[in-house]
Amino acid sequence: MTVKDTHFDQLLDFPCQQTFKVMGLAQDDLPIKIIEVLQTIAPNDYTPKIKASSKGTYHAVSIAVTVTSKEQMEQIYNELGAIDIVRYVL
């Protein structure tokens, strides 16, 4: 997943808090992998909220991140989307 030519800089005033919703396979390490990626891009103490799908196959992980630039936001989308068990990043 590659985010290209976004208009985040026109839509948001940086720095700002953005909640990312990451949907992936229902594995115990999903939130751990998400936090590991975020720690390399925007180190902070993260508290993910996890919601299971109705069949329990997927988890939706919501996590608030303070984003400082358009480039950082694009990097977060790209790197979260590259996690092997992630299916969508919203």
N, C-alpha and C. Protein backbone atom coordinates (compact mmCIF):
# COMPACT_ATOMS: atom_id res chain seq x y z
N MET A 1 0.85 -1.18 0.00
CA MET A 1 0.00 0.00 0.00
C MET A 1 0.89 1.23 0.00
N THR A 2 0.74 2.06 -0.98
CA THR A 2 1.52 3.29 -1.06
C THR A 2 0.56 4.47 -1.13
N VAL A 3 0.75 5.39 -0.20
CA VAL A 3 -0.06 6.60 -0.19
C VAL A 3 0.66 7.62 -1.05
N LYS A 4 -0.03 8.16 -2.04
CA LYS A 4 0.60 9.11 -2.94
C LYS A 4 -0.25 10.36 -3.08
N ASP A 5 0.43 11.47 -3.27
CA ASP A 5 -0.23 12.74 -3.59
C ASP A 5 -1.42 13.04 -2.69
N THR A 6 -1.20 12.93 -1.38
CA THR A 6 -2.29 13.24 -0.45
C THR A 6 -2.40 14.74 -0.25
N HIS A 7 -3.49 15.15 0.32
CA HIS A 7 -3.73 16.56 0.60
C HIS A 7 -3.85 16.80 2.11
N PHE A 8 -3.17 15.94 2.89
CA PHE A 8 -3.24 16.06 4.34
C PHE A 8 -2.83 17.46 4.80
N ASP A 9 -1.84 18.04 4.13
CA ASP A 9 -1.35 19.36 4.53
C ASP A 9 -2.38 20.45 4.29
N GLN A 10 -3.30 20.23 3.36
CA GLN A 10 -4.35 21.21 3.09
C GLN A 10 -5.56 21.02 4.01
N LEU A 11 -5.72 19.79 4.51
CA LEU A 11 -6.89 19.46 5.31
C LEU A 11 -6.65 19.56 6.81
N LEU A 12 -5.40 19.45 7.23
CA LEU A 12 -5.09 19.41 8.66
C LEU A 12 -4.07 20.47 9.02
N ASP A 13 -4.14 20.92 10.26
CA ASP A 13 -3.12 21.82 10.80
C ASP A 13 -2.20 20.99 11.68
N PHE A 14 -0.95 20.88 11.28
CA PHE A 14 0.03 20.09 12.03
C PHE A 14 0.72 20.94 13.07
N PRO A 15 1.08 20.38 14.22
CA PRO A 15 0.80 19.02 14.67
C PRO A 15 -0.66 18.85 15.06
N CYS A 16 -1.15 17.62 14.93
CA CYS A 16 -2.52 17.31 15.31
C CYS A 16 -2.61 15.86 15.76
N GLN A 17 -3.68 15.57 16.46
CA GLN A 17 -3.90 14.19 16.87
C GLN A 17 -4.81 13.52 15.85
N GLN A 18 -4.38 12.36 15.39
CA GLN A 18 -5.12 11.61 14.38
C GLN A 18 -5.33 10.20 14.91
N THR A 19 -6.55 9.70 14.82
CA THR A 19 -6.81 8.32 15.23
C THR A 19 -6.76 7.44 13.99
N PHE A 20 -5.87 6.47 14.03
CA PHE A 20 -5.74 5.50 12.95
C PHE A 20 -6.52 4.25 13.35
N LYS A 21 -7.26 3.69 12.41
CA LYS A 21 -7.96 2.44 12.64
C LYS A 21 -7.31 1.40 11.74
N VAL A 22 -6.76 0.40 12.37
CA VAL A 22 -6.03 -0.64 11.65
C VAL A 22 -6.81 -1.94 11.78
N MET A 23 -7.18 -2.50 10.66
CA MET A 23 -7.93 -3.75 10.67
C MET A 23 -7.02 -4.87 10.19
N GLY A 24 -6.96 -5.92 11.02
CA GLY A 24 -6.08 -7.03 10.68
C GLY A 24 -6.57 -8.33 11.25
N LEU A 25 -5.82 -9.38 11.00
CA LEU A 25 -6.18 -10.69 11.50
C LEU A 25 -6.18 -10.69 13.02
N ALA A 26 -7.10 -11.43 13.60
CA ALA A 26 -7.26 -11.47 15.06
C ALA A 26 -6.14 -12.30 15.69
N GLN A 27 -4.98 -11.70 15.78
CA GLN A 27 -3.83 -12.35 16.41
C GLN A 27 -3.38 -11.48 17.58
N ASP A 28 -2.89 -12.15 18.63
CA ASP A 28 -2.49 -11.44 19.84
C ASP A 28 -1.41 -10.39 19.58
N ASP A 29 -0.58 -10.61 18.56
CA ASP A 29 0.53 -9.68 18.32
C ASP A 29 0.17 -8.52 17.41
N LEU A 30 -1.08 -8.43 16.94
CA LEU A 30 -1.46 -7.31 16.06
C LEU A 30 -1.20 -5.96 16.72
N PRO A 31 -1.74 -5.69 17.94
CA PRO A 31 -1.46 -4.38 18.54
C PRO A 31 0.02 -4.16 18.84
N ILE A 32 0.74 -5.21 19.15
CA ILE A 32 2.18 -5.10 19.43
C ILE A 32 2.91 -4.65 18.17
N LYS A 33 2.58 -5.27 17.03
CA LYS A 33 3.23 -4.90 15.77
C LYS A 33 2.91 -3.46 15.38
N ILE A 34 1.67 -3.04 15.61
CA ILE A 34 1.27 -1.67 15.30
C ILE A 34 2.06 -0.69 16.15
N ILE A 35 2.15 -0.95 17.44
CA ILE A 35 2.88 -0.05 18.34
C ILE A 35 4.36 -0.02 18.00
N GLU A 36 4.93 -1.17 17.64
CA GLU A 36 6.36 -1.19 17.26
C GLU A 36 6.62 -0.26 16.07
N VAL A 37 5.74 -0.30 15.08
CA VAL A 37 5.89 0.58 13.92
C VAL A 37 5.76 2.03 14.34
N LEU A 38 4.74 2.34 15.14
CA LEU A 38 4.52 3.72 15.56
C LEU A 38 5.68 4.24 16.40
N GLN A 39 6.28 3.41 17.22
CA GLN A 39 7.40 3.85 18.06
C GLN A 39 8.59 4.29 17.23
N THR A 40 8.75 3.71 16.04
CA THR A 40 9.88 4.12 15.18
C THR A 40 9.61 5.44 14.47
N ILE A 41 8.32 5.76 14.27
CA ILE A 41 7.95 6.96 13.53
C ILE A 41 7.60 8.12 14.46
N ALA A 42 6.82 7.83 15.48
CA ALA A 42 6.32 8.86 16.41
C ALA A 42 6.30 8.28 17.83
N PRO A 43 7.47 8.21 18.48
CA PRO A 43 7.55 7.59 19.80
C PRO A 43 6.60 8.26 20.81
N ASN A 44 5.88 7.41 21.54
CA ASN A 44 4.93 7.90 22.53
C ASN A 44 4.41 6.70 23.31
N ASP A 45 3.62 6.97 24.35
CA ASP A 45 2.93 5.90 25.07
C ASP A 45 1.58 5.72 24.41
N TYR A 46 1.35 4.58 23.81
CA TYR A 46 0.12 4.34 23.08
C TYR A 46 -0.80 3.39 23.84
N THR A 47 -2.09 3.67 23.75
CA THR A 47 -3.11 2.83 24.36
C THR A 47 -4.11 2.45 23.28
N PRO A 48 -3.89 1.31 22.64
CA PRO A 48 -4.80 0.92 21.57
C PRO A 48 -6.14 0.43 22.11
N LYS A 49 -7.19 0.66 21.34
CA LYS A 49 -8.51 0.11 21.64
C LYS A 49 -8.77 -0.96 20.61
N ILE A 50 -9.13 -2.14 21.08
CA ILE A 50 -9.28 -3.29 20.19
C ILE A 50 -10.73 -3.76 20.20
N LYS A 51 -11.26 -3.96 19.01
CA LYS A 51 -12.63 -4.46 18.87
C LYS A 51 -12.60 -5.64 17.90
N ALA A 52 -13.19 -6.76 18.33
CA ALA A 52 -13.22 -7.95 17.49
C ALA A 52 -14.39 -7.89 16.51
N SER A 53 -14.20 -8.50 15.35
CA SER A 53 -15.29 -8.60 14.39
C SER A 53 -16.34 -9.58 14.92
N SER A 54 -17.51 -9.59 14.31
CA SER A 54 -18.60 -10.44 14.80
C SER A 54 -18.24 -11.92 14.78
N LYS A 55 -17.44 -12.35 13.82
CA LYS A 55 -17.03 -13.75 13.75
C LYS A 55 -15.70 -14.01 14.46
N GLY A 56 -15.05 -12.93 14.91
CA GLY A 56 -13.79 -13.08 15.62
C GLY A 56 -12.58 -13.31 14.73
N THR A 57 -12.74 -13.17 13.43
CA THR A 57 -11.64 -13.39 12.49
C THR A 57 -10.69 -12.21 12.43
N TYR A 58 -11.23 -11.02 12.62
CA TYR A 58 -10.44 -9.79 12.52
C TYR A 58 -10.56 -8.95 13.78
N HIS A 59 -9.57 -8.10 13.97
CA HIS A 59 -9.60 -7.10 15.03
C HIS A 59 -9.45 -5.73 14.40
N ALA A 60 -10.18 -4.77 14.94
CA ALA A 60 -10.01 -3.37 14.57
C ALA A 60 -9.29 -2.70 15.73
N VAL A 61 -8.14 -2.15 15.46
CA VAL A 61 -7.33 -1.50 16.48
C VAL A 61 -7.34 -0.01 16.20
N SER A 62 -7.88 0.76 17.14
CA SER A 62 -7.89 2.22 17.02
C SER A 62 -6.80 2.76 17.93
N ILE A 63 -6.02 3.69 17.38
CA ILE A 63 -4.90 4.23 18.15
C ILE A 63 -4.67 5.70 17.77
N ALA A 64 -4.62 6.55 18.78
CA ALA A 64 -4.43 7.99 18.56
C ALA A 64 -2.94 8.31 18.50
N VAL A 65 -2.57 9.09 17.48
CA VAL A 65 -1.17 9.45 17.26
C VAL A 65 -1.08 10.95 17.02
N THR A 66 -0.10 11.59 17.65
CA THR A 66 0.17 13.00 17.35
C THR A 66 1.08 13.03 16.12
N VAL A 67 0.54 13.60 15.05
CA VAL A 67 1.25 13.64 13.77
C VAL A 67 1.75 15.06 13.55
N THR A 68 3.01 15.18 13.10
CA THR A 68 3.62 16.50 12.98
C THR A 68 3.74 17.02 11.55
N SER A 69 3.50 16.15 10.54
CA SER A 69 3.63 16.61 9.15
C SER A 69 2.90 15.67 8.20
N LYS A 70 2.67 16.16 7.00
CA LYS A 70 2.07 15.35 5.94
C LYS A 70 2.94 14.12 5.67
N GLU A 71 4.25 14.31 5.61
CA GLU A 71 5.17 13.22 5.31
C GLU A 71 5.11 12.14 6.40
N GLN A 72 5.03 12.57 7.65
CA GLN A 72 4.96 11.61 8.75
C GLN A 72 3.64 10.82 8.67
N MET A 73 2.56 11.49 8.35
CA MET A 73 1.27 10.82 8.24
C MET A 73 1.29 9.79 7.11
N GLU A 74 1.86 10.14 5.99
CA GLU A 74 1.98 9.21 4.86
C GLU A 74 2.84 8.01 5.24
N GLN A 75 3.93 8.28 5.97
CA GLN A 75 4.81 7.20 6.41
C GLN A 75 4.06 6.24 7.34
N ILE A 76 3.25 6.77 8.23
CA ILE A 76 2.47 5.92 9.14
C ILE A 76 1.53 5.03 8.35
N TYR A 77 0.78 5.61 7.41
CA TYR A 77 -0.12 4.80 6.58
C TYR A 77 0.65 3.71 5.84
N ASN A 78 1.77 4.07 5.23
CA ASN A 78 2.55 3.10 4.45
C ASN A 78 3.09 1.97 5.32
N GLU A 79 3.67 2.32 6.45
CA GLU A 79 4.32 1.30 7.28
C GLU A 79 3.31 0.44 8.04
N LEU A 80 2.20 1.02 8.47
CA LEU A 80 1.17 0.19 9.10
C LEU A 80 0.58 -0.77 8.06
N GLY A 81 0.37 -0.28 6.85
CA GLY A 81 -0.18 -1.11 5.79
C GLY A 81 0.75 -2.24 5.36
N ALA A 82 2.03 -2.10 5.65
CA ALA A 82 3.02 -3.12 5.26
C ALA A 82 3.12 -4.26 6.27
N ILE A 83 2.47 -4.14 7.42
CA ILE A 83 2.49 -5.22 8.41
C ILE A 83 1.76 -6.42 7.81
N ASP A 84 2.38 -7.58 7.90
CA ASP A 84 1.87 -8.78 7.20
C ASP A 84 0.45 -9.18 7.57
N ILE A 85 -0.01 -8.93 8.79
CA ILE A 85 -1.36 -9.36 9.19
C ILE A 85 -2.39 -8.24 9.11
N VAL A 86 -1.96 -7.08 8.65
CA VAL A 86 -2.88 -5.93 8.50
C VAL A 86 -3.56 -6.02 7.14
N ARG A 87 -4.86 -5.75 7.15
CA ARG A 87 -5.63 -5.77 5.90
C ARG A 87 -6.01 -4.36 5.43
N TYR A 88 -6.32 -3.45 6.36
CA TYR A 88 -6.71 -2.08 6.01
C TYR A 88 -6.21 -1.11 7.06
N VAL A 89 -5.89 0.10 6.61
CA VAL A 89 -5.56 1.21 7.52
C VAL A 89 -6.45 2.37 7.14
N LEU A 90 -7.26 2.82 8.08
CA LEU A 90 -8.17 3.93 7.84
C LEU A 90 -7.78 5.12 8.69
